[in-house]
Amino acid sequence: MTDEFNNIDEIEASVGQELGVTDWQTITQEQINDFAEVTGDLQWIHTKPLKAKFGPFGTTIAHGFLVLSLAPKMLEDTYVVKSAKMGVNYGLNRVRFTAPVPVNSEVRARVTLKSFEKMDNARGKGARLVVSLAFELKESKRPACVADLVFLIYE
């Protein structure tokens, strides 16, 4: 379910609050292989199921950056600012890969608005948001990844 905010003033009131939780998404071997091909990270722990079977996790695991790359879609699935004409990824303040994601595991993101700062510059009126994501791993007490994403919204 997506939370809807009409404008940046409305979302500002949500600082410190959870904006939503996404649906579970299965991480497949095909997804892992595609990510490996695009990034050139072909390490066996990700792409060689037979070899990985005898490795430390008993199976292949997703790249940490693959999990992190799900952030834009997961943010889109949790909230929207209707007045936004444009959103720009600005960076990351903090990222930790805290648990391996075995192939065919399910992940979801718990999204919290950490901070909000209004902006008014040559690009227009907007805001800088820091959003915390905890990528939860089904049937695990530890998240797979925690990250603070910084992005700009322009109205």
Protein backbone atom coordinates (compact mmCIF):
# COMPACT_ATOMS: atom_id res chain seq x y z
CA MET A 1 0.00 0.00 0.00
CA THR A 2 1.39 3.37 -1.02
CA ASP A 3 1.11 6.39 1.27
CA GLU A 4 0.13 9.48 -0.70
CA PHE A 5 1.26 12.99 0.15
CA ASN A 6 -0.14 15.90 -1.84
CA ASN A 7 3.02 18.00 -1.46
CA ILE A 8 6.32 18.30 0.38
CA ASP A 9 4.70 20.14 3.28
CA GLU A 10 2.61 17.05 4.01
CA ILE A 11 5.54 14.64 3.95
CA GLU A 12 7.56 16.91 6.27
CA ALA A 13 5.15 16.02 9.08
CA SER A 14 6.24 12.37 8.73
CA VAL A 15 9.85 12.80 9.88
CA GLY A 16 10.69 9.96 12.23
CA GLN A 17 7.75 7.89 11.05
CA GLU A 18 7.54 4.73 9.02
CA LEU A 19 6.32 5.47 5.50
CA GLY A 20 5.53 1.88 4.67
CA VAL A 21 6.62 -1.70 4.17
CA THR A 22 6.84 -3.28 0.74
CA ASP A 23 5.60 -6.68 -0.34
CA TRP A 24 8.03 -9.57 -0.20
CA GLN A 25 10.14 -10.07 -3.33
CA THR A 26 11.92 -13.32 -4.19
CA ILE A 27 15.55 -13.04 -5.27
CA THR A 28 16.06 -15.56 -8.09
CA GLN A 29 19.22 -17.05 -9.58
CA GLU A 30 18.29 -15.44 -12.90
CA GLN A 31 18.18 -12.03 -11.21
CA ILE A 32 21.56 -12.69 -9.56
CA ASN A 33 23.09 -13.82 -12.87
CA ASP A 34 21.71 -10.78 -14.72
CA PHE A 35 23.13 -8.46 -12.06
CA ALA A 36 26.50 -10.23 -12.22
CA GLU A 37 26.60 -9.85 -15.99
CA VAL A 38 25.76 -6.15 -15.91
CA THR A 39 28.23 -5.31 -13.15
CA GLY A 40 30.99 -7.74 -14.09
CA ASP A 41 30.94 -9.25 -10.59
CA LEU A 42 30.95 -12.91 -11.60
CA GLN A 43 32.29 -14.27 -8.30
CA TRP A 44 31.38 -17.95 -7.85
CA ILE A 45 29.49 -17.34 -4.58
CA HIS A 46 26.88 -15.56 -6.71
CA THR A 47 26.94 -17.33 -10.07
CA LYS A 48 28.07 -20.94 -9.63
CA PRO A 49 25.33 -22.92 -7.84
CA LEU A 50 27.25 -26.22 -7.85
CA LYS A 51 30.42 -24.70 -6.41
CA ALA A 52 28.43 -22.54 -3.96
CA LYS A 53 26.66 -25.65 -2.67
CA PHE A 54 29.96 -26.54 -0.97
CA GLY A 55 30.70 -22.97 0.10
CA PRO A 56 30.01 -21.20 3.39
CA PHE A 57 26.28 -20.63 2.70
CA GLY A 58 25.40 -23.92 0.99
CA THR A 59 23.99 -22.05 -2.01
CA THR A 60 24.54 -18.95 -4.07
CA ILE A 61 23.86 -15.57 -2.49
CA ALA A 62 22.72 -12.27 -3.96
CA HIS A 63 25.18 -9.43 -4.36
CA GLY A 64 24.76 -6.85 -1.61
CA PHE A 65 24.51 -4.17 -4.28
CA LEU A 66 21.74 -6.13 -6.01
CA VAL A 67 19.69 -5.90 -2.83
CA LEU A 68 20.50 -2.20 -2.50
CA SER A 69 19.55 -1.61 -6.14
CA LEU A 70 15.97 -2.60 -5.27
CA ALA A 71 15.63 0.64 -3.27
CA PRO A 72 14.11 2.89 -5.98
CA LYS A 73 11.30 0.44 -6.74
CA MET A 74 10.70 -0.25 -3.07
CA LEU A 75 10.50 3.48 -2.31
CA GLU A 76 8.01 3.85 -5.17
CA ASP A 77 5.95 1.06 -3.61
CA THR A 78 5.75 2.75 -0.19
CA TYR A 79 4.95 6.41 -0.81
CA VAL A 80 4.44 9.13 -3.40
CA VAL A 81 4.52 12.94 -3.27
CA LYS A 82 1.89 13.93 -5.84
CA SER A 83 3.25 17.44 -6.42
CA ALA A 84 6.76 16.18 -7.25
CA LYS A 85 7.82 17.00 -10.80
CA MET A 86 11.19 15.31 -10.41
CA GLY A 87 13.15 13.21 -7.95
CA VAL A 88 16.94 12.90 -8.00
CA ASN A 89 19.15 10.36 -6.24
CA TYR A 90 21.66 12.45 -4.31
CA GLY A 91 23.67 9.81 -2.49
CA LEU A 92 23.96 7.48 0.44
CA ASN A 93 24.87 8.38 4.00
CA ARG A 94 25.20 4.89 5.37
CA VAL A 95 25.02 1.38 3.94
CA ARG A 96 25.67 -1.92 5.68
CA PHE A 97 25.20 -5.42 4.29
CA THR A 98 24.35 -7.20 7.53
CA ALA A 99 23.29 -10.68 6.38
CA PRO A 100 23.70 -12.82 3.24
CA VAL A 101 20.67 -13.23 0.96
CA PRO A 102 20.57 -16.86 -0.25
CA VAL A 103 19.05 -17.49 -3.68
CA ASN A 104 15.23 -17.80 -3.57
CA SER A 105 15.05 -15.82 -0.33
CA GLU A 106 12.40 -13.18 0.08
CA VAL A 107 13.23 -9.58 0.96
CA ARG A 108 11.17 -6.50 1.63
CA ALA A 109 11.93 -2.96 2.70
CA ARG A 110 10.75 -1.12 5.78
CA VAL A 111 10.95 2.59 4.93
CA THR A 112 11.27 5.44 7.46
CA LEU A 113 11.64 9.16 6.80
CA LYS A 114 14.75 10.07 8.79
CA SER A 115 15.08 13.76 7.94
CA PHE A 116 13.64 16.50 5.76
CA GLU A 117 15.06 19.85 4.68
CA LYS A 118 13.24 22.34 2.45
CA MET A 119 15.19 23.81 -0.46
CA ASP A 120 14.59 26.75 -2.74
CA ASN A 121 17.31 27.23 -5.35
CA ALA A 122 17.89 27.76 -9.07
CA ARG A 123 16.38 24.35 -9.78
CA GLY A 124 13.18 25.26 -7.98
CA LYS A 125 11.29 24.61 -4.78
CA GLY A 126 11.83 21.24 -3.21
CA ALA A 127 13.22 19.21 -0.36
CA ARG A 128 16.15 16.99 0.57
CA LEU A 129 14.98 13.79 2.20
CA VAL A 130 16.96 11.13 4.00
CA VAL A 131 15.06 7.87 3.98
CA SER A 132 16.16 4.84 5.99
CA LEU A 133 15.54 1.44 4.47
CA ALA A 134 15.84 -1.83 6.32
CA PHE A 135 15.83 -4.68 3.81
CA GLU A 136 14.25 -7.44 5.82
CA LEU A 137 14.99 -11.06 5.06
CA LYS A 138 12.04 -13.41 5.56
CA GLU A 139 12.55 -15.83 8.44
CA SER A 140 15.58 -13.90 9.73
CA LYS A 141 15.89 -11.59 12.71
CA ARG A 142 18.72 -9.67 11.02
CA PRO A 143 18.05 -7.43 8.04
CA ALA A 144 19.99 -8.17 4.85
CA CYS A 145 20.90 -4.52 4.38
CA VAL A 146 20.34 -1.18 6.08
CA ALA A 147 20.83 2.06 4.18
CA ASP A 148 20.16 5.78 4.44
CA LEU A 149 19.34 7.18 1.00
CA VAL A 150 19.46 10.89 0.26
CA PHE A 151 17.41 12.29 -2.55
CA LEU A 152 15.95 15.53 -3.74
CA ILE A 153 12.35 16.19 -4.69
CA TYR A 154 11.39 19.20 -6.80
CA GLU A 155 7.88 20.61 -7.10
